[in-house]
């Protein structure tokens, strides 16, 4: 079938000129109106961005100001760190004016820690937290006393072992060697996020004296975005550069809680489909989005915080807001354009039908979101050469796309399977001690918490044992760390040999300390197993005819039915201490 050029269908110069004039008039008017409307929307968004930028700057400024002041004070007067108690007043007075300042702290190189801390929702006055008052490395809460700085102990606050030198804020500061930001994190049990700054303290010789840090709850930013009076159906969000949300104008939570695990919401997994669509455009600039027929003007801009931190502001407003401002003018322009085209309706209708029918078929197939719909179009489908060429091009493109999609699905499936295997391996390695293959401290905490709750709920017996290798430092000093590691492996094997693999828990608790948990076993049976462990140490050397001994502290849940898991561990720790001080190679229960 012979094809004909599209231009042959232009019947008369009059029709051509009228059509061109009408199209140009409509196009120019539409573009002009669209540009004006977009400028109105852009200006509105910029005003909102400036307000948010100013608010964020004012909100974050005290965090860095206080940190720099304290760093300079401790650097210039390092003797202040010799006695931390008076510093409590300094921290308390610094934090009090700022409602959402959650803590100001200092941790010394020898492990002492002091902080002025407050509940992140900001409705409770600051208290003092310290780990050196009654017992070294034991964190306790105290009331603030205006004269003594540190007042009475808060009995309702639990005491726990705490060495700040292993905490992320301390390690991150030493690694950065300058002021550094902490990761934004949810506060446990509180509907808000928090962020902090930390910085190392050096003396004049460059020696590390400690780390000072500050932290602030971000609930004020979330409340501020919610309080902004915006046009209807408008949204605002603050996010990190990876899309993790900091605050939004909606009342949705900023994180999910699954089995006690806090997971922050990201734009790309937000329940609101508009936020999820916005996650596809994260570079600075303006975009046009369409959701369920509703058009939005979307703009992303940066907030540059001190010390290299960048946040993003996203503002989405419905296009109907700024387009509605010029509705009357738009309607007039459309009326004039339609009137012009009405004059050539009779002639144009015939041409439109002849050209439009195959184009409608192409359009329907292209928007059907199915590659097969394009492949089902007739060949050829029109006498117009350009339409035939377009149909053939779409047909060829659809065949190529179908082939690509089939290969892509296979690659995605293979990649997903690989990532699942990698995630499982990473999880296992994070919970296991590399040397002994026992649970490490983190893995032990997870399984012990479950076992402890189960024993309480079902009224089963549970015995916690804390063991320590006697004089282990001598082994490392006399024989080296390699043989010391051999001793640790031998101890792990002996402990596993005398415990039940399916029921009991064995873990390397730290250094030369090991933890054992016996479930549904009487105390006499536990003691018998511990005696067998000691007997095997006395008969079988761990290396080169070298024997070792171990001391054990035992705590039974039946003996202390109301004790918490932490309290049970503390009881066992005290009894281990007693065993070590009474001659070692002992079992104290």
Protein backbone atom coordinates (compact mmCIF):
# COMPACT_ATOMS: atom_id res chain seq x y z
CA UNK A 1 0.00 0.00 0.00
CA UNK A 2 1.44 3.31 -1.14
CA UNK A 3 2.06 5.90 1.63
CA UNK A 4 1.64 9.65 1.27
CA UNK A 5 3.39 12.57 3.04
CA UNK A 6 1.49 14.36 5.81
CA UNK A 7 2.03 17.79 4.24
CA UNK A 8 -0.11 16.81 1.22
CA UNK A 9 -3.11 16.88 3.52
CA UNK A 10 -2.82 20.63 4.01
CA UNK A 11 -5.66 21.71 1.73
CA UNK A 12 -5.34 25.44 1.36
CA UNK A 13 -2.98 28.20 2.39
CA UNK A 14 -5.82 29.71 4.40
CA UNK A 15 -6.22 26.63 6.54
CA UNK A 16 -2.48 26.45 6.97
CA UNK A 17 -2.16 30.06 8.08
CA UNK A 18 -5.20 29.87 10.38
CA UNK A 19 -3.90 26.74 11.98
CA UNK A 20 -0.42 28.14 12.49
CA UNK A 21 -1.83 31.38 13.90
CA UNK A 22 -4.11 29.55 16.32
CA UNK A 23 -1.44 27.13 17.47
CA UNK A 24 1.10 29.89 17.97
CA UNK A 25 -1.35 32.03 19.89
CA UNK A 26 -2.34 29.16 22.17
CA UNK A 27 1.25 28.01 22.61
CA UNK A 28 2.61 31.45 23.44
CA UNK A 29 -0.24 32.14 25.85
CA UNK A 30 0.07 28.78 27.51
CA UNK A 31 3.84 29.02 27.91
CA UNK A 32 3.58 32.57 29.23
CA UNK A 33 0.89 31.64 31.74
CA UNK A 34 2.75 28.49 32.73
CA UNK A 35 5.98 30.44 33.30
CA UNK A 36 4.21 33.07 35.37
CA UNK A 37 2.40 30.41 37.40
CA UNK A 38 5.64 28.49 37.97
CA UNK A 39 7.40 31.67 39.08
CA UNK A 40 4.62 32.32 41.59
CA UNK A 41 4.95 28.78 42.93
CA UNK A 42 8.76 28.97 43.01
CA UNK A 43 8.67 32.24 44.93
CA UNK A 44 6.25 30.80 47.49
CA UNK A 45 8.46 27.75 48.00
CA UNK A 46 11.62 29.88 48.36
CA UNK A 47 9.98 31.92 51.11
CA UNK A 48 9.09 28.71 52.96
CA UNK A 49 12.64 27.38 52.46
CA UNK A 50 14.19 30.55 53.86
CA UNK A 51 12.04 30.33 56.97
CA UNK A 52 12.99 26.70 57.52
CA UNK A 53 16.68 27.38 56.83
CA UNK A 54 16.71 30.17 59.42
CA UNK A 55 14.88 28.02 61.97
CA UNK A 56 17.24 25.07 61.52
CA UNK A 57 20.27 27.35 61.83
CA UNK A 58 18.96 28.91 65.05
CA UNK A 59 18.06 25.47 66.41
CA UNK A 60 21.43 23.82 65.70
CA UNK A 61 23.63 26.81 66.64
CA UNK A 62 23.59 26.21 70.45
CA UNK A 63 24.76 22.63 69.85
CA UNK A 64 27.99 23.71 68.17
CA UNK A 65 28.46 26.85 70.27
CA UNK A 66 28.35 24.94 73.55
CA UNK A 67 30.64 22.22 72.19
CA UNK A 68 33.27 24.73 71.05
CA UNK A 69 33.10 26.63 74.36
CA UNK A 70 33.63 23.46 76.40
CA UNK A 71 36.39 22.18 74.13
CA UNK A 72 38.30 25.46 74.46
CA UNK A 73 37.76 25.58 78.23
CA UNK A 74 39.10 22.04 78.79
CA UNK A 75 41.97 22.56 76.36
CA UNK A 76 43.12 25.78 78.03
CA UNK A 77 42.48 24.49 81.57
CA UNK A 78 43.03 20.73 81.52
CA UNK A 79 43.07 20.73 85.33
CA UNK A 80 39.27 21.06 85.18
CA UNK A 81 39.17 17.39 84.21
CA UNK A 82 40.89 16.31 87.41
CA UNK A 83 37.64 16.81 89.35
CA UNK A 84 34.50 16.47 87.22
CA UNK A 85 31.99 17.18 90.00
CA UNK A 86 32.00 21.01 89.68
CA UNK A 87 31.56 20.66 85.92
CA UNK A 88 28.02 19.39 86.57
CA UNK A 89 26.96 22.97 87.39
CA UNK A 90 28.58 24.25 84.20
CA UNK A 91 26.76 21.71 82.05
CA UNK A 92 23.46 22.17 83.87
CA UNK A 93 23.51 25.94 83.37
CA UNK A 94 24.50 25.58 79.70
CA UNK A 95 21.65 23.16 78.92
CA UNK A 96 18.82 24.74 80.90
CA UNK A 97 17.94 27.55 78.42
CA UNK A 98 17.45 25.07 75.56
CA UNK A 99 14.29 23.01 75.86
CA UNK A 100 15.36 20.18 73.56
CA UNK A 101 19.03 19.89 74.57
CA UNK A 102 19.16 16.24 75.72
CA UNK A 103 22.67 16.13 77.15
CA UNK A 104 26.03 17.87 77.48
CA UNK A 105 28.81 15.52 78.52
CA UNK A 106 32.51 14.95 78.96
CA UNK A 107 34.37 11.63 79.00
CA UNK A 108 37.97 11.55 80.17
CA UNK A 109 40.75 9.41 78.79
CA UNK A 110 40.71 7.33 81.99
CA UNK A 111 37.04 6.44 81.53
CA UNK A 112 35.28 8.89 83.85
CA UNK A 113 32.02 10.29 82.51
CA UNK A 114 29.76 13.18 83.51
CA UNK A 115 26.67 14.54 81.75
CA UNK A 116 23.77 16.89 82.26
CA UNK A 117 20.92 14.88 80.73
CA UNK A 118 17.23 15.40 80.12
CA UNK A 119 14.32 13.49 78.61
CA UNK A 120 14.28 14.22 74.82
CA UNK A 121 10.71 15.56 74.86
CA UNK A 122 12.03 18.42 77.00
CA UNK A 123 9.43 18.53 79.75
CA UNK A 124 11.63 17.29 82.58
CA UNK A 125 14.48 19.25 84.15
CA UNK A 126 18.08 18.18 83.61
CA UNK A 127 19.62 15.63 85.97
CA UNK A 128 23.23 14.58 86.36
CA UNK A 129 24.60 11.26 85.12
CA UNK A 130 28.03 10.05 86.27
CA UNK A 131 29.95 6.76 86.35
CA UNK A 132 32.49 7.47 89.10
CA UNK A 133 30.58 8.64 92.20
CA UNK A 134 29.93 5.44 94.14
CA UNK A 135 31.78 2.88 92.05
CA UNK A 136 34.15 3.26 89.09
CA UNK A 137 32.57 2.71 85.69
CA UNK A 138 29.07 2.41 87.19
CA UNK A 139 26.60 4.82 85.63
CA UNK A 140 24.05 6.34 88.04
CA UNK A 141 21.58 9.21 87.95
CA UNK A 142 21.63 12.11 90.45
CA UNK A 143 19.56 15.17 91.12
CA UNK A 144 21.25 18.48 90.42
CA UNK A 145 22.21 20.42 93.55
CA UNK A 146 22.92 24.16 93.14
CA UNK A 147 25.65 24.15 95.81
CA UNK A 148 27.08 20.63 95.66
CA UNK A 149 26.60 20.27 91.90
CA UNK A 150 25.77 16.58 92.29
CA UNK A 151 22.91 15.92 94.70
CA UNK A 152 21.08 12.84 95.89
CA UNK A 153 21.10 9.63 93.83
CA UNK A 154 17.89 9.01 91.84
CA UNK A 155 16.86 5.62 93.16
CA UNK A 156 14.47 4.95 90.28
CA UNK A 157 17.29 5.16 87.74
CA UNK A 158 19.05 1.81 87.24
CA UNK A 159 22.79 1.62 87.75
CA UNK A 160 24.78 -0.09 85.03
CA UNK A 161 28.35 -0.63 83.90
CA UNK A 162 29.47 2.13 81.53
CA UNK A 163 32.82 2.88 79.93
CA UNK A 164 32.41 5.84 77.54
CA UNK A 165 35.63 5.07 75.72
CA UNK A 166 33.87 2.29 73.82
CA UNK A 167 30.87 4.38 72.83
CA UNK A 168 30.38 5.67 69.25
CA UNK A 169 30.53 9.38 70.19
CA UNK A 170 33.97 8.85 71.79
CA UNK A 171 35.38 6.64 69.04
CA UNK A 172 34.01 8.85 66.23
CA UNK A 173 35.55 11.98 67.75
CA UNK A 174 38.99 10.37 68.13
CA UNK A 175 38.82 9.03 64.58
CA UNK A 176 37.85 12.42 63.13
CA UNK A 177 40.32 14.31 65.37
CA UNK A 178 37.97 17.26 65.19
CA UNK A 179 34.32 18.14 65.72
CA UNK A 180 32.13 15.45 64.15
CA UNK A 181 28.42 14.70 63.88
CA UNK A 182 26.77 11.60 65.26
CA UNK A 183 24.27 9.60 63.24
CA UNK A 184 20.66 10.71 63.66
CA UNK A 185 18.97 8.10 65.85
CA UNK A 186 15.56 7.44 67.42
CA UNK A 187 15.37 7.87 71.21
CA UNK A 188 14.31 4.61 72.77
CA UNK A 189 10.67 4.83 73.88
CA UNK A 190 10.28 8.44 72.72
CA UNK A 191 8.53 9.71 69.56
CA UNK A 192 11.46 11.78 68.32
CA UNK A 193 14.92 11.65 66.77
CA UNK A 194 18.17 13.05 68.08
CA UNK A 195 21.54 14.21 66.76
CA UNK A 196 24.77 15.10 68.49
CA UNK A 197 28.25 16.57 68.10
CA UNK A 198 31.44 15.38 69.74
CA UNK A 199 35.04 16.60 69.72
CA UNK A 200 38.31 15.31 71.21
CA UNK A 201 40.15 17.33 73.87
CA UNK A 202 43.95 17.58 73.59
CA UNK A 203 46.53 19.15 75.83
CA UNK A 204 49.30 21.41 74.52
CA UNK A 205 51.42 18.36 73.67
CA UNK A 206 48.69 16.75 71.58
CA UNK A 207 47.80 14.13 74.18
CA UNK A 208 44.16 13.04 74.28
CA UNK A 209 42.49 14.19 77.49
CA UNK A 210 38.99 13.04 76.62
CA UNK A 211 35.92 13.85 74.52
CA UNK A 212 33.13 16.35 75.09
CA UNK A 213 29.76 16.02 73.37
CA UNK A 214 26.31 17.57 73.02
CA UNK A 215 23.00 16.21 71.77
CA UNK A 216 19.63 17.70 70.88
CA UNK A 217 16.18 16.20 70.20
CA UNK A 218 14.80 17.04 66.77
CA UNK A 219 11.15 17.04 67.85
CA UNK A 220 11.15 20.86 67.78
CA UNK A 221 11.86 20.80 64.02
CA UNK A 222 9.08 18.28 63.47
CA UNK A 223 6.66 20.44 65.48
CA UNK A 224 7.78 23.54 63.57
CA UNK A 225 7.09 21.98 60.16
CA UNK A 226 3.66 20.84 61.36
CA UNK A 227 2.89 24.35 62.61
CA UNK A 228 3.62 26.11 59.31
CA UNK A 229 0.48 27.41 57.66
CA UNK A 230 0.74 26.07 54.12
CA UNK A 231 -1.61 25.95 51.19
CA UNK A 232 -3.97 22.98 51.17
CA UNK A 233 -2.39 19.59 50.37
CA UNK A 234 1.15 20.99 50.60
CA UNK A 235 3.98 19.00 52.23
CA UNK A 236 7.39 19.80 53.65
CA UNK A 237 10.16 17.47 54.75
CA UNK A 238 13.69 17.66 56.12
CA UNK A 239 15.90 14.73 55.18
CA UNK A 240 19.49 13.57 55.08
CA UNK A 241 21.25 13.19 51.75
CA UNK A 242 20.40 9.47 51.68
CA UNK A 243 16.66 10.21 52.00
CA UNK A 244 16.30 9.36 55.72
CA UNK A 245 13.65 11.66 57.17
CA UNK A 246 14.42 14.17 59.93
CA UNK A 247 11.09 16.01 60.17
CA UNK A 248 7.91 16.43 58.11
CA UNK A 249 4.83 18.62 58.06
CA UNK A 250 2.66 15.49 58.32
CA UNK A 251 1.84 13.83 61.62
CA UNK A 252 3.23 10.45 60.56
CA UNK A 253 5.90 8.85 62.74
CA UNK A 254 9.50 9.18 61.55
CA UNK A 255 10.43 5.59 62.33
CA UNK A 256 8.97 2.11 62.68
CA UNK A 257 9.35 -0.21 65.66
CA UNK A 258 9.54 -3.93 64.88
CA UNK A 259 10.25 -6.35 67.73
CA UNK A 260 12.03 -3.62 69.65
CA UNK A 261 14.14 -2.57 66.66
CA UNK A 262 13.87 1.08 65.61
CA UNK A 263 14.03 1.66 61.84
CA UNK A 264 13.97 5.22 60.51
CA UNK A 265 11.62 6.02 57.67
CA UNK A 266 13.16 6.93 54.34
CA UNK A 267 11.40 8.81 51.58
CA UNK A 268 11.64 5.76 49.36
CA UNK A 269 9.72 3.56 51.84
CA UNK A 270 7.35 6.18 53.26
CA UNK A 271 3.64 5.14 53.40
CA UNK A 272 2.67 8.42 51.72
CA UNK A 273 2.96 7.81 47.94
CA UNK A 274 3.79 11.47 47.32
CA UNK A 275 6.88 11.28 49.55
CA UNK A 276 7.86 8.03 47.86
CA UNK A 277 7.58 9.71 44.45
CA UNK A 278 9.65 12.65 45.72
CA UNK A 279 12.49 10.24 46.62
CA UNK A 280 13.16 9.78 42.89
CA UNK A 281 14.35 13.40 42.65
CA UNK A 282 16.96 14.22 45.27
CA UNK A 283 19.22 16.70 43.52
CA UNK A 284 18.86 20.39 44.16
CA UNK A 285 16.31 21.91 41.81
CA UNK A 286 12.62 22.08 40.85
CA UNK A 287 10.48 19.24 39.51
CA UNK A 288 6.92 18.58 38.42
CA UNK A 289 5.22 15.50 39.91
CA UNK A 290 1.84 13.97 39.13
CA UNK A 291 0.04 11.67 41.56
CA UNK A 292 -3.42 10.29 40.76
CA UNK A 293 -4.13 13.21 38.46
CA UNK A 294 -2.96 15.85 40.97
CA UNK A 295 0.04 17.87 39.75
CA UNK A 296 2.65 19.17 42.23
CA UNK A 297 5.51 21.62 42.03
CA UNK A 298 8.40 20.04 43.95
CA UNK A 299 11.60 21.85 44.92
CA UNK A 300 14.69 20.49 46.69
CA UNK A 301 17.30 22.74 48.32
CA UNK A 302 20.27 22.25 50.65
CA UNK A 303 20.87 23.39 54.21
CA UNK A 304 24.60 23.59 54.87
CA UNK A 305 25.31 23.01 58.56
CA UNK A 306 28.68 23.51 60.17
CA UNK A 307 31.34 20.81 60.02
CA UNK A 308 30.38 19.43 56.62
CA UNK A 309 26.82 18.31 57.37
CA UNK A 310 24.20 18.80 54.63
CA UNK A 311 20.44 18.43 55.03
CA UNK A 312 17.81 18.67 52.36
CA UNK A 313 14.56 20.66 52.35
CA UNK A 314 11.76 19.34 50.16
CA UNK A 315 8.62 21.40 49.54
CA UNK A 316 5.67 20.09 47.50
CA UNK A 317 2.72 22.32 46.67
CA UNK A 318 -0.21 21.45 44.40
CA UNK A 319 0.08 23.14 41.03
CA UNK A 320 -3.55 24.18 41.39
CA UNK A 321 -2.42 26.77 43.94
CA UNK A 322 -0.24 28.87 41.67
CA UNK A 323 -2.06 27.98 38.48
CA UNK A 324 -5.38 29.03 40.01
CA UNK A 325 -4.05 32.53 40.51
CA UNK A 326 -4.09 33.02 36.75
CA UNK A 327 -7.20 30.94 35.99
CA UNK A 328 -9.27 33.84 34.64
CA UNK A 329 -6.59 34.92 32.22
CA UNK A 330 -6.06 31.33 31.14
CA UNK A 331 -9.75 30.86 30.47
CA UNK A 332 -9.86 33.98 28.28
CA UNK A 333 -6.88 32.79 26.26
CA UNK A 334 -8.36 29.35 25.82
CA UNK A 335 -11.68 30.88 24.68
CA UNK A 336 -9.97 32.98 22.00
CA UNK A 337 -7.96 30.00 20.82
CA UNK A 338 -11.01 27.74 20.65
CA UNK A 339 -12.95 30.41 18.75
CA UNK A 340 -10.19 30.59 16.15
CA UNK A 341 -10.17 26.87 15.65
CA UNK A 342 -13.97 26.77 15.48
CA UNK A 343 -13.74 28.78 12.23
CA UNK A 344 -11.89 25.92 10.57
CA UNK A 345 -13.71 23.11 12.39
CA UNK A 346 -15.45 21.77 9.28
CA UNK A 347 -12.26 21.50 7.25
CA UNK A 348 -10.14 20.46 10.22
CA UNK A 349 -12.50 17.71 11.38
CA UNK A 350 -11.99 15.66 8.25
CA UNK A 351 -8.23 16.02 8.47
CA UNK A 352 -8.24 15.34 12.23
CA UNK A 353 -10.23 12.16 11.75
CA UNK A 354 -7.95 10.92 9.01
CA UNK A 355 -4.82 11.65 11.00
CA UNK A 356 -6.21 11.21 14.50
CA UNK A 357 -7.60 7.70 14.30
CA UNK A 358 -4.25 5.88 13.85
CA UNK A 359 -2.60 8.28 16.30
CA UNK A 360 -5.23 7.41 18.89
CA UNK A 361 -4.45 3.74 18.35
CA UNK A 362 -0.76 4.44 18.83
CA UNK A 363 -1.42 6.57 21.91
CA UNK A 364 -3.67 3.94 23.49
CA UNK A 365 -1.11 1.23 22.93
CA UNK A 366 1.76 3.42 24.21
CA UNK A 367 -0.12 4.36 27.40
CA UNK A 368 -1.45 0.86 28.10
CA UNK A 369 1.79 0.17 30.04
CA UNK A 370 2.05 -3.20 28.29
CA UNK A 371 4.65 -3.93 25.65
CA UNK A 372 2.32 -6.51 24.12
CA UNK A 373 -0.23 -3.78 23.22
CA UNK A 374 2.30 -2.17 20.84
CA UNK A 375 3.18 -5.55 19.30
CA UNK A 376 -0.52 -6.13 18.51
CA UNK A 377 -0.87 -2.96 16.37
CA UNK A 378 -1.63 -3.70 12.68
CA UNK A 379 1.16 -3.43 10.12
CA UNK A 380 0.77 -1.09 8.24
CA UNK A 381 -1.89 0.94 10.01
CA UNK A 382 -2.20 4.12 7.88
CA UNK A 383 -1.51 5.61 4.46
CA UNK A 384 0.37 8.46 6.12
CA UNK A 385 4.09 7.81 5.81
CA UNK A 386 5.11 9.39 9.12
CA UNK A 387 2.54 7.39 11.10
CA UNK A 388 3.64 4.16 9.42
CA UNK A 389 7.26 4.97 10.26
CA UNK A 390 6.34 5.76 13.88
CA UNK A 391 4.38 2.52 14.19
CA UNK A 392 7.28 0.48 12.83
CA UNK A 393 9.73 2.24 15.17
CA UNK A 394 7.52 1.59 18.23
CA UNK A 395 7.10 -2.04 17.19
CA UNK A 396 10.87 -2.56 16.93
CA UNK A 397 11.47 -0.71 20.21
CA UNK A 398 8.83 -2.87 21.97
CA UNK A 399 10.51 -6.07 20.80
CA UNK A 400 13.90 -4.88 22.11
CA UNK A 401 12.39 -3.72 25.40
CA UNK A 402 10.63 -7.05 25.94
CA UNK A 403 13.93 -8.86 25.47
CA UNK A 404 15.73 -6.48 27.87
CA UNK A 405 13.04 -6.88 30.55
CA UNK A 406 13.31 -10.66 30.43
CA UNK A 407 17.08 -10.50 30.99
CA UNK A 408 16.70 -7.82 33.66
CA UNK A 409 14.26 -9.92 35.70
CA UNK A 410 16.75 -12.77 35.71
CA UNK A 411 19.60 -10.49 36.85
CA UNK A 412 17.47 -8.92 39.60
CA UNK A 413 16.52 -12.37 40.89
CA UNK A 414 20.17 -13.49 40.98
CA UNK A 415 21.27 -10.27 42.72
CA UNK A 416 18.49 -10.51 45.31
CA UNK A 417 19.49 -14.09 46.19
CA UNK A 418 23.14 -13.06 46.55
CA UNK A 419 22.31 -10.10 48.82
CA UNK A 420 20.14 -12.31 51.05
CA UNK A 421 23.06 -14.74 51.53
CA UNK A 422 25.43 -11.85 52.29
CA UNK A 423 23.03 -10.37 54.86
CA UNK A 424 22.75 -13.72 56.65
CA UNK A 425 26.55 -14.06 56.78
CA UNK A 426 26.97 -10.51 58.12
CA UNK A 427 24.36 -11.11 60.84
CA UNK A 428 26.05 -14.32 61.97
CA UNK A 429 29.52 -12.73 62.09
CA UNK A 430 28.23 -9.73 64.08
CA UNK A 431 26.93 -12.05 66.85
CA UNK A 432 29.87 -14.49 67.05
CA UNK A 433 33.34 -14.17 68.58
CA UNK A 434 35.81 -14.74 65.75
CA UNK A 435 38.41 -16.54 67.89
CA UNK A 436 36.28 -18.97 69.96
CA UNK A 437 33.20 -19.19 67.68
CA UNK A 438 31.10 -18.63 70.79
CA UNK A 439 28.54 -15.84 71.07
CA UNK A 440 30.21 -12.48 71.53
CA UNK A 441 28.89 -9.87 74.00
CA UNK A 442 26.30 -8.59 71.52
CA UNK A 443 25.09 -12.07 70.55
CA UNK A 444 24.92 -13.11 74.19
CA UNK A 445 22.80 -10.09 75.13
CA UNK A 446 20.28 -11.00 72.42
CA UNK A 447 19.88 -14.70 73.31
CA UNK A 448 20.11 -14.14 77.08
CA UNK A 449 17.36 -11.52 77.03
CA UNK A 450 15.02 -13.98 75.28
CA UNK A 451 15.97 -16.86 77.57
CA UNK A 452 15.54 -14.72 80.69
CA UNK A 453 12.07 -13.50 79.69
CA UNK A 454 11.01 -17.03 78.80
CA UNK A 455 12.21 -18.37 82.14
CA UNK A 456 10.30 -15.64 84.00
CA UNK A 457 7.10 -16.11 82.02
CA UNK A 458 7.11 -19.91 82.29
CA UNK A 459 8.53 -20.07 85.83
CA UNK A 460 11.45 -22.21 84.64
CA UNK A 461 14.78 -22.39 86.37
CA UNK A 462 17.69 -20.35 85.01
CA UNK A 463 21.23 -20.23 86.35
CA UNK A 464 23.69 -17.58 85.17
CA UNK A 465 27.41 -18.29 85.61
CA UNK A 466 30.25 -15.84 85.03
CA UNK A 467 33.69 -17.44 84.73
CA UNK A 468 37.18 -15.93 84.51
CA UNK A 469 40.54 -17.53 83.66
CA UNK A 470 42.87 -17.17 86.62
CA UNK A 471 46.13 -15.29 86.01
CA UNK A 472 45.43 -15.05 82.30
CA UNK A 473 47.67 -11.97 82.02
CA UNK A 474 50.63 -14.13 83.03
CA UNK A 475 49.95 -16.47 80.11
CA UNK A 476 50.03 -13.58 77.65
CA UNK A 477 53.11 -12.07 79.31
CA UNK A 478 55.06 -15.37 79.59
CA UNK A 479 54.02 -17.15 76.39
CA UNK A 480 52.69 -14.43 74.11
CA UNK A 481 49.25 -13.59 72.80
CA UNK A 482 49.28 -16.40 70.23
CA UNK A 483 49.38 -19.09 72.90
CA UNK A 484 47.03 -16.93 74.97
CA UNK A 485 44.55 -17.24 72.12
CA UNK A 486 45.13 -21.02 72.10
CA UNK A 487 44.18 -21.04 75.78
CA UNK A 488 40.98 -19.13 75.07
CA UNK A 489 40.04 -21.60 72.33
CA UNK A 490 40.71 -24.54 74.68
CA UNK A 491 38.57 -22.95 77.39
CA UNK A 492 35.73 -22.43 74.91
CA UNK A 493 35.92 -26.10 73.86
CA UNK A 494 35.86 -27.28 77.49
CA UNK A 495 32.83 -25.09 78.32
CA UNK A 496 30.92 -26.26 75.23
CA UNK A 497 31.77 -29.89 76.08
CA UNK A 498 30.06 -29.65 79.48
CA UNK A 499 26.96 -27.73 78.36
CA UNK A 500 23.94 -28.76 76.36
CA UNK A 501 24.12 -27.44 72.84
CA UNK A 502 20.36 -27.27 72.33
CA UNK A 503 19.45 -25.66 75.67
CA UNK A 504 22.34 -23.87 77.35
CA UNK A 505 24.13 -20.67 76.32
CA UNK A 506 27.91 -20.24 76.19
CA UNK A 507 29.51 -16.91 75.30
CA UNK A 508 32.82 -15.07 75.44
CA UNK A 509 31.70 -12.24 77.72
CA UNK A 510 34.82 -10.16 77.28
CA UNK A 511 38.63 -10.74 77.33
CA UNK A 512 39.16 -13.85 79.46
CA UNK A 513 35.60 -13.79 80.89
CA UNK A 514 33.02 -16.34 79.78
CA UNK A 515 29.29 -16.48 80.49
CA UNK A 516 27.18 -19.65 80.80
CA UNK A 517 23.41 -19.90 81.12
CA UNK A 518 21.84 -23.20 82.22
CA UNK A 519 18.12 -23.57 81.57
CA UNK A 520 15.82 -26.00 83.45
CA UNK A 521 18.71 -27.44 85.47
CA UNK A 522 18.96 -27.70 89.25
CA UNK A 523 21.75 -25.84 91.02
CA UNK A 524 23.41 -29.10 92.14
CA UNK A 525 23.63 -30.26 88.53
CA UNK A 526 25.12 -26.91 87.49
CA UNK A 527 27.75 -27.16 90.25
CA UNK A 528 28.55 -30.71 89.14
CA UNK A 529 29.16 -29.51 85.56
CA UNK A 530 31.35 -26.63 86.77
CA UNK A 531 33.38 -29.07 88.91
CA UNK A 532 33.82 -31.30 85.84
CA UNK A 533 35.06 -28.29 83.88
CA UNK A 534 37.62 -27.49 86.59
CA UNK A 535 38.63 -31.17 86.78
CA UNK A 536 39.31 -31.28 83.05
CA UNK A 537 41.48 -28.16 83.31
CA UNK A 538 43.51 -29.88 86.01
CA UNK A 539 44.10 -33.01 83.90
CA UNK A 540 44.39 -31.68 80.37
CA UNK A 541 46.87 -28.86 79.59
CA UNK A 542 45.72 -26.06 77.30
CA UNK A 543 49.11 -25.94 75.55
CA UNK A 544 52.75 -27.08 76.12
CA UNK A 545 51.91 -28.90 79.37
CA UNK A 546 50.47 -25.70 80.77
CA UNK A 547 47.36 -26.05 82.91
CA UNK A 548 45.00 -23.28 83.82
CA UNK A 549 42.28 -22.76 86.42
CA UNK A 550 39.02 -20.84 86.32
CA UNK A 551 36.94 -19.12 88.96
CA UNK A 552 33.16 -19.00 88.74
CA UNK A 553 30.39 -16.85 90.20
CA UNK A 554 26.89 -18.34 90.09
CA UNK A 555 23.46 -16.64 90.35
CA UNK A 556 20.18 -18.61 90.33
CA UNK A 557 16.89 -17.00 89.24
CA UNK A 558 14.97 -19.08 91.79
CA UNK A 559 17.15 -17.61 94.52
CA UNK A 560 16.39 -14.10 93.25
CA UNK A 561 12.95 -14.37 91.57
CA UNK A 562 12.41 -10.60 91.37
CA UNK A 563 15.82 -9.76 89.96
CA UNK A 564 16.20 -8.27 86.51
CA UNK A 565 18.61 -9.73 83.97
CA UNK A 566 21.13 -6.98 84.76
CA UNK A 567 20.77 -7.60 88.49
CA UNK A 568 21.33 -11.36 88.03
CA UNK A 569 24.51 -10.66 86.07
CA UNK A 570 25.69 -8.26 88.77
CA UNK A 571 25.11 -10.92 91.47
CA UNK A 572 27.17 -13.45 89.51
CA UNK A 573 29.88 -10.82 88.95
CA UNK A 574 30.15 -10.11 92.69
CA UNK A 575 30.41 -13.83 93.45
CA UNK A 576 33.08 -14.23 90.78
CA UNK A 577 34.93 -11.37 92.44
CA UNK A 578 34.63 -13.21 95.75
CA UNK A 579 35.95 -16.42 94.17
CA UNK A 580 38.96 -14.55 92.76
CA UNK A 581 39.71 -12.90 96.11
CA UNK A 582 39.38 -16.13 98.08
CA UNK A 583 42.17 -17.94 96.32
CA UNK A 584 40.90 -18.47 92.75
CA UNK A 585 39.93 -21.82 91.18
CA UNK A 586 36.74 -21.52 93.23
CA UNK A 587 32.98 -21.71 92.58
CA UNK A 588 30.92 -19.26 94.61
CA UNK A 589 27.13 -19.67 94.55
